[in-house]
Amino acid sequence: MGPRRDTSLQLIFLMATGLSQVIWAKNLPMTHPEPSMHLCLQGSKNLLEAVSNTLQKARQKLELYSCSLEEIDYEDITEVRTNTVRDCLPPELTKNASCLVSRKTPCIKNCCLKGIYEDLETYKAEFNVIKETLAKDPTRQISLDQNMLAAIDEMMQALNFNSENVPLASSPKEPDFYKTKVKLCILLHAFRIRAVTINRMMNYLTASS
């Protein structure tokens, strides 16, 4: 067998090997880098500060709209989609069936972070609708704080998840500005409570990681 034929056979072998590796790589499940817990912790602190400031401003500007915690009817807009409190319980207290069987902390952590991401996604969709509606209000009494929306985006980027079920939220055809402002108060109070929970869980997960 001559040198040229040896070279040709080697080239064919390398090409076939490379092709098989490409096919094998494509069949591997897609993964994403594990979130940095320190970034998530800082993001949760920024989120809590931002929503607290936004709520304080809203209570000042909407003092005639029953915007105090004692006057509103609490609403959890995430309950039909996620249960962050349940998903974020420590392994010894978890009610998550799949994680209960495995008893593995990484499973609890993953469920918790995914639940937090979906919570943020749900609130973000609702706040964007309110933002669009308030932009049409001729009185310009209040607008949604961009710092809070930016803090939500920052936290979602730190969590580094992709949601398969993006919540649907649409602006009303005939906006009722009074109801929108009342709803803003309700959502801000609920979101602040959730932000406190998120911040506590980030402290717990960061300390145990």
N, C-alpha and C. Protein backbone atom coordinates (compact mmCIF):
# COMPACT_ATOMS: atom_id res chain seq x y z
N MET A 1 0.85 -1.19 0.00
CA MET A 1 0.00 0.00 0.00
C MET A 1 0.89 1.24 0.00
N GLY A 2 0.65 2.15 -0.95
CA GLY A 2 1.51 3.31 -1.10
C GLY A 2 1.21 4.39 -0.09
N PRO A 3 2.10 5.38 0.05
CA PRO A 3 1.95 6.47 1.01
C PRO A 3 0.68 7.28 0.78
N ARG A 4 0.33 7.51 -0.53
CA ARG A 4 -0.84 8.32 -0.82
C ARG A 4 -2.12 7.63 -0.31
N ARG A 5 -2.18 6.29 -0.51
CA ARG A 5 -3.37 5.54 -0.10
C ARG A 5 -3.48 5.54 1.42
N ASP A 6 -2.32 5.42 2.11
CA ASP A 6 -2.34 5.47 3.57
C ASP A 6 -2.89 6.80 4.06
N THR A 7 -2.44 7.85 3.39
CA THR A 7 -2.89 9.19 3.79
C THR A 7 -4.38 9.35 3.56
N SER A 8 -4.88 8.85 2.44
CA SER A 8 -6.31 8.94 2.11
C SER A 8 -7.15 8.19 3.13
N LEU A 9 -6.69 6.99 3.52
CA LEU A 9 -7.42 6.19 4.50
C LEU A 9 -7.46 6.88 5.86
N GLN A 10 -6.32 7.50 6.22
CA GLN A 10 -6.27 8.21 7.49
C GLN A 10 -7.23 9.41 7.48
N LEU A 11 -7.30 10.11 6.34
CA LEU A 11 -8.18 11.26 6.22
C LEU A 11 -9.64 10.84 6.33
N ILE A 12 -9.99 9.74 5.65
CA ILE A 12 -11.37 9.23 5.72
C ILE A 12 -11.73 8.84 7.14
N PHE A 13 -10.78 8.18 7.83
CA PHE A 13 -11.03 7.75 9.21
C PHE A 13 -11.26 8.96 10.13
N LEU A 14 -10.43 10.00 9.96
CA LEU A 14 -10.56 11.19 10.80
C LEU A 14 -11.88 11.91 10.54
N MET A 15 -12.29 11.96 9.26
CA MET A 15 -13.55 12.61 8.92
C MET A 15 -14.74 11.85 9.51
N ALA A 16 -14.68 10.51 9.41
CA ALA A 16 -15.75 9.69 9.95
C ALA A 16 -15.83 9.81 11.46
N THR A 17 -14.67 9.84 12.10
CA THR A 17 -14.64 9.97 13.56
C THR A 17 -15.19 11.32 13.99
N GLY A 18 -14.79 12.36 13.28
CA GLY A 18 -15.27 13.70 13.60
C GLY A 18 -16.77 13.82 13.43
N LEU A 19 -17.31 13.20 12.35
CA LEU A 19 -18.74 13.25 12.09
C LEU A 19 -19.51 12.53 13.19
N SER A 20 -19.00 11.38 13.62
CA SER A 20 -19.68 10.63 14.67
C SER A 20 -19.67 11.42 15.98
N GLN A 21 -18.58 12.17 16.23
CA GLN A 21 -18.52 12.97 17.46
C GLN A 21 -19.51 14.12 17.42
N VAL A 22 -19.69 14.70 16.23
CA VAL A 22 -20.65 15.79 16.07
C VAL A 22 -22.06 15.28 16.32
N ILE A 23 -22.39 14.11 15.73
CA ILE A 23 -23.71 13.53 15.91
C ILE A 23 -23.96 13.19 17.37
N TRP A 24 -22.95 12.63 18.02
CA TRP A 24 -23.07 12.27 19.44
C TRP A 24 -23.28 13.52 20.30
N ALA A 25 -22.55 14.58 19.96
CA ALA A 25 -22.68 15.83 20.73
C ALA A 25 -24.07 16.44 20.58
N LYS A 26 -24.63 16.34 19.36
CA LYS A 26 -25.95 16.92 19.12
C LYS A 26 -27.03 16.17 19.91
N ASN A 27 -26.79 14.88 20.16
CA ASN A 27 -27.78 14.08 20.86
C ASN A 27 -27.71 14.25 22.37
N LEU A 28 -26.68 14.95 22.87
CA LEU A 28 -26.56 15.18 24.30
C LEU A 28 -27.62 16.18 24.75
N PRO A 29 -28.19 16.02 25.95
CA PRO A 29 -29.17 17.00 26.44
C PRO A 29 -28.53 18.36 26.65
N MET A 30 -29.28 19.42 26.31
CA MET A 30 -28.78 20.77 26.47
C MET A 30 -28.73 21.13 27.95
N THR A 31 -27.64 21.74 28.36
CA THR A 31 -27.49 22.17 29.74
C THR A 31 -27.15 23.65 29.76
N HIS A 32 -27.38 24.29 30.89
CA HIS A 32 -26.99 25.68 31.04
C HIS A 32 -26.10 25.80 32.26
N PRO A 33 -25.20 26.78 32.26
CA PRO A 33 -24.29 26.92 33.40
C PRO A 33 -25.06 27.10 34.70
N GLU A 34 -24.56 26.51 35.78
CA GLU A 34 -25.21 26.64 37.08
C GLU A 34 -25.15 28.09 37.53
N PRO A 35 -26.25 28.61 38.04
CA PRO A 35 -26.27 30.01 38.48
C PRO A 35 -25.22 30.27 39.56
N SER A 36 -24.64 31.45 39.52
CA SER A 36 -23.72 31.87 40.58
C SER A 36 -24.55 32.31 41.78
N MET A 37 -24.38 31.62 42.90
CA MET A 37 -25.19 31.93 44.07
C MET A 37 -24.88 33.31 44.62
N HIS A 38 -23.64 33.76 44.46
CA HIS A 38 -23.28 35.09 44.95
C HIS A 38 -23.97 36.18 44.10
N LEU A 39 -24.07 35.94 42.79
CA LEU A 39 -24.80 36.88 41.93
C LEU A 39 -26.29 36.86 42.26
N CYS A 40 -26.81 35.67 42.52
CA CYS A 40 -28.23 35.54 42.88
C CYS A 40 -28.51 36.24 44.21
N LEU A 41 -27.59 36.08 45.16
CA LEU A 41 -27.78 36.72 46.46
C LEU A 41 -27.76 38.24 46.32
N GLN A 42 -26.80 38.78 45.57
CA GLN A 42 -26.74 40.22 45.36
C GLN A 42 -27.98 40.70 44.60
N GLY A 43 -28.41 39.90 43.62
CA GLY A 43 -29.60 40.25 42.86
C GLY A 43 -30.84 40.30 43.75
N SER A 44 -30.94 39.35 44.70
CA SER A 44 -32.10 39.33 45.59
C SER A 44 -32.09 40.54 46.53
N LYS A 45 -30.91 40.96 46.96
CA LYS A 45 -30.81 42.16 47.81
C LYS A 45 -31.23 43.40 47.04
N ASN A 46 -30.75 43.51 45.80
CA ASN A 46 -31.13 44.65 44.96
C ASN A 46 -32.63 44.65 44.67
N LEU A 47 -33.18 43.45 44.46
CA LEU A 47 -34.60 43.33 44.17
C LEU A 47 -35.44 43.78 45.36
N LEU A 48 -35.08 43.32 46.54
CA LEU A 48 -35.84 43.69 47.75
C LEU A 48 -35.77 45.20 47.99
N GLU A 49 -34.59 45.78 47.80
CA GLU A 49 -34.45 47.23 47.99
C GLU A 49 -35.28 48.00 46.96
N ALA A 50 -35.25 47.53 45.71
CA ALA A 50 -35.96 48.23 44.63
C ALA A 50 -37.48 48.17 44.83
N VAL A 51 -38.00 47.00 45.16
CA VAL A 51 -39.46 46.88 45.34
C VAL A 51 -39.91 47.62 46.60
N SER A 52 -39.08 47.64 47.63
CA SER A 52 -39.42 48.39 48.85
C SER A 52 -39.50 49.88 48.56
N ASN A 53 -38.55 50.40 47.79
CA ASN A 53 -38.56 51.82 47.41
C ASN A 53 -39.76 52.14 46.53
N THR A 54 -40.05 51.24 45.60
CA THR A 54 -41.19 51.46 44.70
C THR A 54 -42.50 51.47 45.48
N LEU A 55 -42.65 50.55 46.41
CA LEU A 55 -43.86 50.50 47.23
C LEU A 55 -44.00 51.75 48.09
N GLN A 56 -42.90 52.21 48.65
CA GLN A 56 -42.96 53.42 49.47
C GLN A 56 -43.42 54.62 48.66
N LYS A 57 -42.89 54.76 47.45
CA LYS A 57 -43.29 55.88 46.59
C LYS A 57 -44.76 55.75 46.19
N ALA A 58 -45.19 54.52 45.90
CA ALA A 58 -46.58 54.31 45.49
C ALA A 58 -47.53 54.66 46.63
N ARG A 59 -47.18 54.29 47.86
CA ARG A 59 -48.04 54.60 49.00
C ARG A 59 -48.16 56.11 49.21
N GLN A 60 -47.08 56.83 48.91
CA GLN A 60 -47.11 58.29 49.06
C GLN A 60 -47.98 58.93 47.98
N LYS A 61 -47.82 58.45 46.74
CA LYS A 61 -48.55 59.06 45.62
C LYS A 61 -50.00 58.58 45.53
N LEU A 62 -50.26 57.38 46.06
CA LEU A 62 -51.60 56.80 45.96
C LEU A 62 -52.24 56.67 47.33
N GLU A 63 -52.02 57.64 48.19
CA GLU A 63 -52.53 57.56 49.56
C GLU A 63 -54.05 57.56 49.60
N LEU A 64 -54.70 58.03 48.57
CA LEU A 64 -56.17 58.03 48.52
C LEU A 64 -56.73 56.78 47.85
N TYR A 65 -55.87 55.83 47.53
CA TYR A 65 -56.30 54.62 46.82
C TYR A 65 -56.25 53.36 47.70
N SER A 66 -56.31 53.51 49.00
CA SER A 66 -56.25 52.36 49.91
C SER A 66 -55.02 51.51 49.62
N CYS A 67 -53.85 52.14 49.72
CA CYS A 67 -52.61 51.48 49.32
C CYS A 67 -51.79 50.96 50.49
N SER A 68 -52.35 51.00 51.69
CA SER A 68 -51.61 50.45 52.82
C SER A 68 -51.89 48.94 52.91
N LEU A 69 -51.00 48.22 53.57
CA LEU A 69 -51.13 46.77 53.67
C LEU A 69 -52.41 46.38 54.39
N GLU A 70 -52.86 47.20 55.33
CA GLU A 70 -54.06 46.90 56.09
C GLU A 70 -55.34 47.08 55.27
N GLU A 71 -55.25 47.83 54.18
CA GLU A 71 -56.45 48.16 53.41
C GLU A 71 -56.64 47.33 52.15
N ILE A 72 -55.61 46.58 51.74
CA ILE A 72 -55.70 45.86 50.48
C ILE A 72 -56.09 44.40 50.71
N ASP A 73 -56.57 43.78 49.65
CA ASP A 73 -56.84 42.34 49.65
C ASP A 73 -55.65 41.65 48.99
N TYR A 74 -54.93 40.87 49.79
CA TYR A 74 -53.71 40.22 49.28
C TYR A 74 -54.06 39.26 48.15
N GLU A 75 -53.23 39.26 47.12
CA GLU A 75 -53.44 38.37 45.96
C GLU A 75 -52.10 37.76 45.56
N ASP A 76 -52.08 36.42 45.46
CA ASP A 76 -50.89 35.72 45.00
C ASP A 76 -51.11 35.29 43.55
N ILE A 77 -50.52 36.03 42.63
CA ILE A 77 -50.74 35.74 41.21
C ILE A 77 -49.90 34.57 40.72
N THR A 78 -49.05 34.03 41.58
CA THR A 78 -48.17 32.93 41.16
C THR A 78 -48.69 31.57 41.58
N GLU A 79 -49.77 31.51 42.37
CA GLU A 79 -50.18 30.25 42.98
C GLU A 79 -50.61 29.19 41.97
N VAL A 80 -51.10 29.62 40.80
CA VAL A 80 -51.54 28.63 39.81
C VAL A 80 -50.37 28.09 39.00
N ARG A 81 -49.20 28.70 39.17
CA ARG A 81 -48.07 28.31 38.35
C ARG A 81 -46.95 27.67 39.16
N THR A 82 -46.60 28.26 40.29
CA THR A 82 -45.51 27.74 41.11
C THR A 82 -45.88 27.83 42.59
N ASN A 83 -45.11 27.16 43.41
CA ASN A 83 -45.24 27.28 44.84
C ASN A 83 -43.82 27.40 45.40
N THR A 84 -43.31 28.63 45.40
CA THR A 84 -41.92 28.85 45.75
C THR A 84 -41.62 28.43 47.18
N VAL A 85 -42.54 28.73 48.08
CA VAL A 85 -42.30 28.38 49.48
C VAL A 85 -42.13 26.87 49.62
N ARG A 86 -42.98 26.09 48.96
CA ARG A 86 -42.86 24.63 49.01
C ARG A 86 -41.58 24.16 48.33
N ASP A 87 -41.30 24.70 47.15
CA ASP A 87 -40.12 24.26 46.39
C ASP A 87 -38.81 24.63 47.07
N CYS A 88 -38.83 25.63 47.92
CA CYS A 88 -37.60 26.09 48.55
C CYS A 88 -37.40 25.57 49.96
N LEU A 89 -38.27 24.65 50.40
CA LEU A 89 -38.09 24.08 51.73
C LEU A 89 -36.80 23.27 51.78
N PRO A 90 -36.13 23.24 52.93
CA PRO A 90 -34.94 22.39 53.10
C PRO A 90 -35.30 20.92 52.89
N PRO A 91 -34.31 20.07 52.56
CA PRO A 91 -34.57 18.66 52.27
C PRO A 91 -35.36 17.94 53.35
N GLU A 92 -35.11 18.27 54.62
CA GLU A 92 -35.78 17.55 55.70
C GLU A 92 -37.25 17.92 55.83
N LEU A 93 -37.65 19.02 55.16
CA LEU A 93 -39.04 19.46 55.25
C LEU A 93 -39.76 19.45 53.91
N THR A 94 -39.08 19.03 52.85
CA THR A 94 -39.64 19.15 51.52
C THR A 94 -40.88 18.30 51.30
N LYS A 95 -41.80 18.86 50.51
CA LYS A 95 -43.00 18.12 50.11
C LYS A 95 -42.91 17.72 48.64
N ASN A 96 -41.81 18.10 47.98
CA ASN A 96 -41.64 17.77 46.56
C ASN A 96 -41.35 16.28 46.44
N ALA A 97 -42.25 15.53 45.78
CA ALA A 97 -42.18 14.08 45.77
C ALA A 97 -40.88 13.56 45.16
N SER A 98 -40.48 14.13 44.00
CA SER A 98 -39.28 13.63 43.33
C SER A 98 -38.03 13.91 44.16
N CYS A 99 -37.99 15.07 44.80
CA CYS A 99 -36.84 15.42 45.63
C CYS A 99 -36.87 14.67 46.96
N LEU A 100 -38.08 14.35 47.42
CA LEU A 100 -38.20 13.62 48.67
C LEU A 100 -37.61 12.22 48.54
N VAL A 101 -37.79 11.64 47.35
CA VAL A 101 -37.24 10.31 47.10
C VAL A 101 -35.73 10.36 47.04
N SER A 102 -35.19 11.36 46.33
CA SER A 102 -33.74 11.45 46.15
C SER A 102 -33.03 11.96 47.39
N ARG A 103 -33.73 12.81 48.19
CA ARG A 103 -33.15 13.40 49.40
C ARG A 103 -31.87 14.18 49.09
N LYS A 104 -31.77 14.72 47.88
CA LYS A 104 -30.56 15.42 47.48
C LYS A 104 -30.79 16.93 47.51
N THR A 105 -29.88 17.63 48.17
CA THR A 105 -29.97 19.09 48.25
C THR A 105 -29.95 19.76 46.88
N PRO A 106 -29.09 19.31 45.91
CA PRO A 106 -29.11 19.94 44.59
C PRO A 106 -30.48 19.93 43.93
N CYS A 107 -31.26 18.88 44.17
CA CYS A 107 -32.60 18.80 43.61
C CYS A 107 -33.49 19.90 44.20
N ILE A 108 -33.42 20.06 45.52
CA ILE A 108 -34.19 21.12 46.18
C ILE A 108 -33.77 22.48 45.66
N LYS A 109 -32.46 22.68 45.53
CA LYS A 109 -31.92 23.95 45.06
C LYS A 109 -32.42 24.26 43.65
N ASN A 110 -32.39 23.29 42.77
CA ASN A 110 -32.81 23.51 41.39
C ASN A 110 -34.30 23.85 41.32
N CYS A 111 -35.12 23.10 42.06
CA CYS A 111 -36.57 23.38 42.09
C CYS A 111 -36.83 24.77 42.64
N CYS A 112 -36.09 25.13 43.68
CA CYS A 112 -36.26 26.44 44.31
C CYS A 112 -35.91 27.57 43.35
N LEU A 113 -34.76 27.49 42.72
CA LEU A 113 -34.33 28.55 41.80
C LEU A 113 -35.26 28.67 40.60
N LYS A 114 -35.74 27.53 40.11
CA LYS A 114 -36.67 27.55 38.98
C LYS A 114 -37.99 28.18 39.41
N GLY A 115 -38.45 27.87 40.63
CA GLY A 115 -39.68 28.47 41.13
C GLY A 115 -39.55 29.98 41.28
N ILE A 116 -38.41 30.42 41.78
CA ILE A 116 -38.16 31.86 41.93
C ILE A 116 -38.17 32.54 40.56
N TYR A 117 -37.52 31.91 39.59
CA TYR A 117 -37.48 32.48 38.24
C TYR A 117 -38.89 32.64 37.67
N GLU A 118 -39.71 31.63 37.84
CA GLU A 118 -41.07 31.68 37.31
C GLU A 118 -41.92 32.72 38.04
N ASP A 119 -41.69 32.87 39.34
CA ASP A 119 -42.37 33.94 40.08
C ASP A 119 -42.04 35.31 39.48
N LEU A 120 -40.75 35.53 39.26
CA LEU A 120 -40.31 36.82 38.71
C LEU A 120 -40.88 37.03 37.32
N GLU A 121 -40.93 35.97 36.54
CA GLU A 121 -41.47 36.06 35.19
C GLU A 121 -42.95 36.44 35.21
N THR A 122 -43.69 35.85 36.13
CA THR A 122 -45.12 36.15 36.26
C THR A 122 -45.35 37.60 36.67
N TYR A 123 -44.61 38.04 37.70
CA TYR A 123 -44.77 39.43 38.15
C TYR A 123 -44.31 40.42 37.08
N LYS A 124 -43.25 40.09 36.37
CA LYS A 124 -42.75 40.98 35.33
C LYS A 124 -43.82 41.21 34.26
N ALA A 125 -44.50 40.14 33.86
CA ALA A 125 -45.55 40.26 32.85
C ALA A 125 -46.67 41.17 33.33
N GLU A 126 -47.08 41.01 34.60
CA GLU A 126 -48.16 41.84 35.15
C GLU A 126 -47.73 43.30 35.29
N PHE A 127 -46.52 43.51 35.75
CA PHE A 127 -46.03 44.88 35.92
C PHE A 127 -45.89 45.60 34.56
N ASN A 128 -45.52 44.86 33.54
CA ASN A 128 -45.39 45.47 32.21
C ASN A 128 -46.76 45.93 31.68
N VAL A 129 -47.81 45.15 31.97
CA VAL A 129 -49.16 45.56 31.58
C VAL A 129 -49.56 46.84 32.31
N ILE A 130 -49.27 46.88 33.60
CA ILE A 130 -49.59 48.07 34.39
C ILE A 130 -48.79 49.27 33.88
N LYS A 131 -47.54 49.03 33.53
CA LYS A 131 -46.70 50.11 33.01
C LYS A 131 -47.30 50.70 31.73
N GLU A 132 -47.75 49.83 30.83
CA GLU A 132 -48.35 50.30 29.58
C GLU A 132 -49.65 51.07 29.83
N THR A 133 -50.43 50.60 30.78
CA THR A 133 -51.70 51.26 31.09
C THR A 133 -51.48 52.63 31.72
N LEU A 134 -50.57 52.70 32.69
CA LEU A 134 -50.31 53.97 33.36
C LEU A 134 -49.71 55.00 32.41
N ALA A 135 -49.03 54.54 31.37
CA ALA A 135 -48.45 55.47 30.40
C ALA A 135 -49.53 56.21 29.63
N LYS A 136 -50.75 55.67 29.63
CA LYS A 136 -51.87 56.30 28.93
C LYS A 136 -52.68 57.23 29.83
N ASP A 137 -52.36 57.22 31.11
CA ASP A 137 -53.10 58.03 32.07
C ASP A 137 -52.78 59.51 31.87
N PRO A 138 -53.77 60.32 31.53
CA PRO A 138 -53.50 61.76 31.27
C PRO A 138 -53.03 62.51 32.51
N THR A 139 -53.34 62.02 33.71
CA THR A 139 -52.93 62.72 34.92
C THR A 139 -51.46 62.50 35.24
N ARG A 140 -50.88 61.42 34.70
CA ARG A 140 -49.47 61.09 34.96
C ARG A 140 -49.18 61.08 36.46
N GLN A 141 -50.14 60.59 37.23
CA GLN A 141 -49.98 60.60 38.68
C GLN A 141 -48.84 59.72 39.17
N ILE A 142 -48.69 58.58 38.53
CA ILE A 142 -47.66 57.64 38.93
C ILE A 142 -47.23 56.81 37.73
N SER A 143 -45.98 56.42 37.73
CA SER A 143 -45.46 55.51 36.71
C SER A 143 -44.70 54.40 37.41
N LEU A 144 -44.51 53.30 36.71
CA LEU A 144 -43.81 52.18 37.33
C LEU A 144 -42.31 52.45 37.36
N ASP A 145 -41.72 52.20 38.50
CA ASP A 145 -40.30 52.49 38.70
C ASP A 145 -39.43 51.59 37.83
N GLN A 146 -38.62 52.20 36.97
CA GLN A 146 -37.74 51.43 36.09
C GLN A 146 -36.68 50.67 36.87
N ASN A 147 -36.29 51.19 38.03
CA ASN A 147 -35.27 50.50 38.83
C ASN A 147 -35.77 49.13 39.29
N MET A 148 -37.06 49.03 39.61
CA MET A 148 -37.61 47.75 40.03
C MET A 148 -37.65 46.77 38.86
N LEU A 149 -38.08 47.25 37.70
CA LEU A 149 -38.12 46.39 36.52
C LEU A 149 -36.71 45.92 36.15
N ALA A 150 -35.74 46.82 36.29
CA ALA A 150 -34.35 46.44 36.01
C ALA A 150 -33.85 45.42 37.01
N ALA A 151 -34.26 45.56 38.28
CA ALA A 151 -33.85 44.61 39.32
C ALA A 151 -34.43 43.23 39.06
N ILE A 152 -35.66 43.19 38.55
CA ILE A 152 -36.28 41.90 38.19
C ILE A 152 -35.47 41.24 37.08
N ASP A 153 -35.12 42.01 36.05
CA ASP A 153 -34.33 41.47 34.94
C ASP A 153 -32.96 40.99 35.42
N GLU A 154 -32.35 41.75 36.30
CA GLU A 154 -31.03 41.39 36.83
C GLU A 154 -31.10 40.05 37.57
N MET A 155 -32.13 39.88 38.37
CA MET A 155 -32.28 38.64 39.14
C MET A 155 -32.56 37.46 38.21
N MET A 156 -33.37 37.68 37.21
CA MET A 156 -33.69 36.60 36.26
C MET A 156 -32.44 36.18 35.48
N GLN A 157 -31.62 37.14 35.11
CA GLN A 157 -30.38 36.83 34.40
C GLN A 157 -29.42 36.05 35.30
N ALA A 158 -29.38 36.40 36.58
CA ALA A 158 -28.51 35.69 37.51
C ALA A 158 -28.97 34.25 37.70
N LEU A 159 -30.30 34.03 37.73
CA LEU A 159 -30.84 32.69 37.89
C LEU A 159 -30.57 31.82 36.66
N ASN A 160 -30.57 32.46 35.49
CA ASN A 160 -30.17 31.77 34.25
C ASN A 160 -31.04 30.57 33.91
N PHE A 161 -32.36 30.77 33.92
CA PHE A 161 -33.30 29.74 33.50
C PHE A 161 -34.02 30.20 32.24
N ASN A 162 -34.60 29.25 31.54
CA ASN A 162 -35.47 29.54 30.41
C ASN A 162 -36.82 28.91 30.70
N SER A 163 -37.87 29.72 30.64
CA SER A 163 -39.19 29.20 30.95
C SER A 163 -39.86 28.67 29.69
N GLU A 164 -40.57 27.55 29.85
CA GLU A 164 -41.30 26.96 28.73
C GLU A 164 -42.72 27.49 28.66
N ASN A 165 -43.23 28.03 29.76
CA ASN A 165 -44.61 28.51 29.81
C ASN A 165 -44.63 29.97 30.22
N VAL A 166 -44.40 30.83 29.25
CA VAL A 166 -44.39 32.26 29.53
C VAL A 166 -45.80 32.72 29.83
N PRO A 167 -46.03 33.41 30.96
CA PRO A 167 -47.39 33.85 31.31
C PRO A 167 -47.92 34.86 30.32
N LEU A 168 -49.21 34.75 30.04
CA LEU A 168 -49.86 35.65 29.11
C LEU A 168 -50.49 36.80 29.88
N ALA A 169 -50.21 38.00 29.47
CA ALA A 169 -50.80 39.18 30.10
C ALA A 169 -50.99 40.23 29.01
N SER A 170 -52.19 40.78 28.93
CA SER A 170 -52.48 41.75 27.89
C SER A 170 -53.11 43.00 28.49
N SER A 171 -52.86 44.12 27.85
CA SER A 171 -53.42 45.39 28.32
C SER A 171 -54.90 45.46 28.00
N PRO A 172 -55.71 46.04 28.90
CA PRO A 172 -57.15 46.18 28.63
C PRO A 172 -57.40 47.15 27.48
N LYS A 173 -58.44 46.89 26.70
CA LYS A 173 -58.75 47.76 25.57
C LYS A 173 -59.19 49.14 26.05
N GLU A 174 -59.98 49.16 27.12
CA GLU A 174 -60.41 50.43 27.72
C GLU A 174 -59.89 50.48 29.15
N PRO A 175 -58.72 51.07 29.34
CA PRO A 175 -58.09 51.05 30.66
C PRO A 175 -58.88 51.79 31.73
N ASP A 176 -58.95 51.18 32.88
CA ASP A 176 -59.56 51.81 34.06
C ASP A 176 -58.39 52.20 34.97
N PHE A 177 -58.06 53.47 34.97
CA PHE A 177 -56.86 53.92 35.67
C PHE A 177 -56.99 53.77 37.19
N TYR A 178 -58.21 53.92 37.70
CA TYR A 178 -58.40 53.75 39.14
C TYR A 178 -58.10 52.30 39.54
N LYS A 179 -58.71 51.35 38.83
CA LYS A 179 -58.49 49.94 39.13
C LYS A 179 -57.03 49.54 38.91
N THR A 180 -56.39 50.14 37.92
CA THR A 180 -54.98 49.83 37.65
C THR A 180 -54.11 50.27 38.80
N LYS A 181 -54.40 51.44 39.37
CA LYS A 181 -53.59 51.94 40.49
C LYS A 181 -53.83 51.11 41.75
N VAL A 182 -55.07 50.68 41.94
CA VAL A 182 -55.35 49.81 43.08
C VAL A 182 -54.63 48.48 42.91
N LYS A 183 -54.67 47.96 41.69
CA LYS A 183 -53.99 46.69 41.42
C LYS A 183 -52.48 46.83 41.61
N LEU A 184 -51.93 47.98 41.25
CA LEU A 184 -50.50 48.22 41.44
C LEU A 184 -50.15 48.12 42.93
N CYS A 185 -50.98 48.71 43.77
CA CYS A 185 -50.74 48.63 45.22
C CYS A 185 -50.76 47.19 45.69
N ILE A 186 -51.76 46.43 45.24
CA ILE A 186 -51.91 45.03 45.65
C ILE A 186 -50.69 44.22 45.22
N LEU A 187 -50.29 44.40 43.95
CA LEU A 187 -49.15 43.63 43.44
C LEU A 187 -47.85 44.01 44.12
N LEU A 188 -47.66 45.28 44.40
CA LEU A 188 -46.42 45.72 45.06
C LEU A 188 -46.30 45.14 46.46
N HIS A 189 -47.41 45.12 47.20
CA HIS A 189 -47.37 44.54 48.54
C HIS A 189 -47.07 43.03 48.45
N ALA A 190 -47.73 42.35 47.53
CA ALA A 190 -47.50 40.91 47.37
C ALA A 190 -46.09 40.62 46.90
N PHE A 191 -45.60 41.46 45.99
CA PHE A 191 -44.27 41.25 45.44
C PHE A 191 -43.19 41.53 46.48
N ARG A 192 -43.43 42.49 47.35
CA ARG A 192 -42.44 42.75 48.39
C ARG A 192 -42.34 41.55 49.35
N ILE A 193 -43.49 40.97 49.69
CA ILE A 193 -43.47 39.78 50.54
C ILE A 193 -42.70 38.66 49.86
N ARG A 194 -42.92 38.50 48.54
CA ARG A 194 -42.20 37.47 47.81
C ARG A 194 -40.71 37.79 47.71
N ALA A 195 -40.38 39.07 47.57
CA ALA A 195 -38.97 39.47 47.51
C ALA A 195 -38.25 39.18 48.82
N VAL A 196 -38.96 39.35 49.95
CA VAL A 196 -38.38 39.01 51.25
C VAL A 196 -38.08 37.51 51.31
N THR A 197 -39.05 36.69 50.85
CA THR A 197 -38.86 35.24 50.82
C THR A 197 -37.68 34.86 49.93
N ILE A 198 -37.59 35.47 48.76
CA ILE A 198 -36.51 35.19 47.82
C ILE A 198 -35.16 35.53 48.43
N ASN A 199 -35.08 36.69 49.08
CA ASN A 199 -33.83 37.11 49.70
C ASN A 199 -33.40 36.16 50.81
N ARG A 200 -34.35 35.71 51.61
CA ARG A 200 -34.04 34.76 52.68
C ARG A 200 -33.54 33.44 52.11
N MET A 201 -34.18 32.97 51.04
CA MET A 201 -33.77 31.71 50.44
C MET A 201 -32.40 31.82 49.80
N MET A 202 -32.10 32.97 49.20
CA MET A 202 -30.77 33.15 48.61
C MET A 202 -29.69 33.15 49.69
N ASN A 203 -30.00 33.74 50.84
CA ASN A 203 -29.05 33.69 51.96
C ASN A 203 -28.84 32.25 52.43
N TYR A 204 -29.92 31.49 52.51
CA TYR A 204 -29.83 30.10 52.96
C TYR A 204 -29.06 29.25 51.96
N LEU A 205 -29.40 29.37 50.68
CA LEU A 205 -28.77 28.56 49.65
C LEU A 205 -27.30 28.92 49.47
N THR A 206 -26.98 30.21 49.58
CA THR A 206 -25.58 30.63 49.45
C THR A 206 -24.75 30.09 50.62
N ALA A 207 -25.32 30.13 51.81
CA ALA A 207 -24.59 29.65 52.98
C ALA A 207 -24.40 28.13 52.95
N SER A 208 -25.35 27.41 52.33
CA SER A 208 -25.26 25.95 52.33
C SER A 208 -24.59 25.38 51.09
N SER A 209 -24.21 26.25 50.15
CA SER A 209 -23.61 25.76 48.90
C SER A 209 -22.09 25.58 49.06
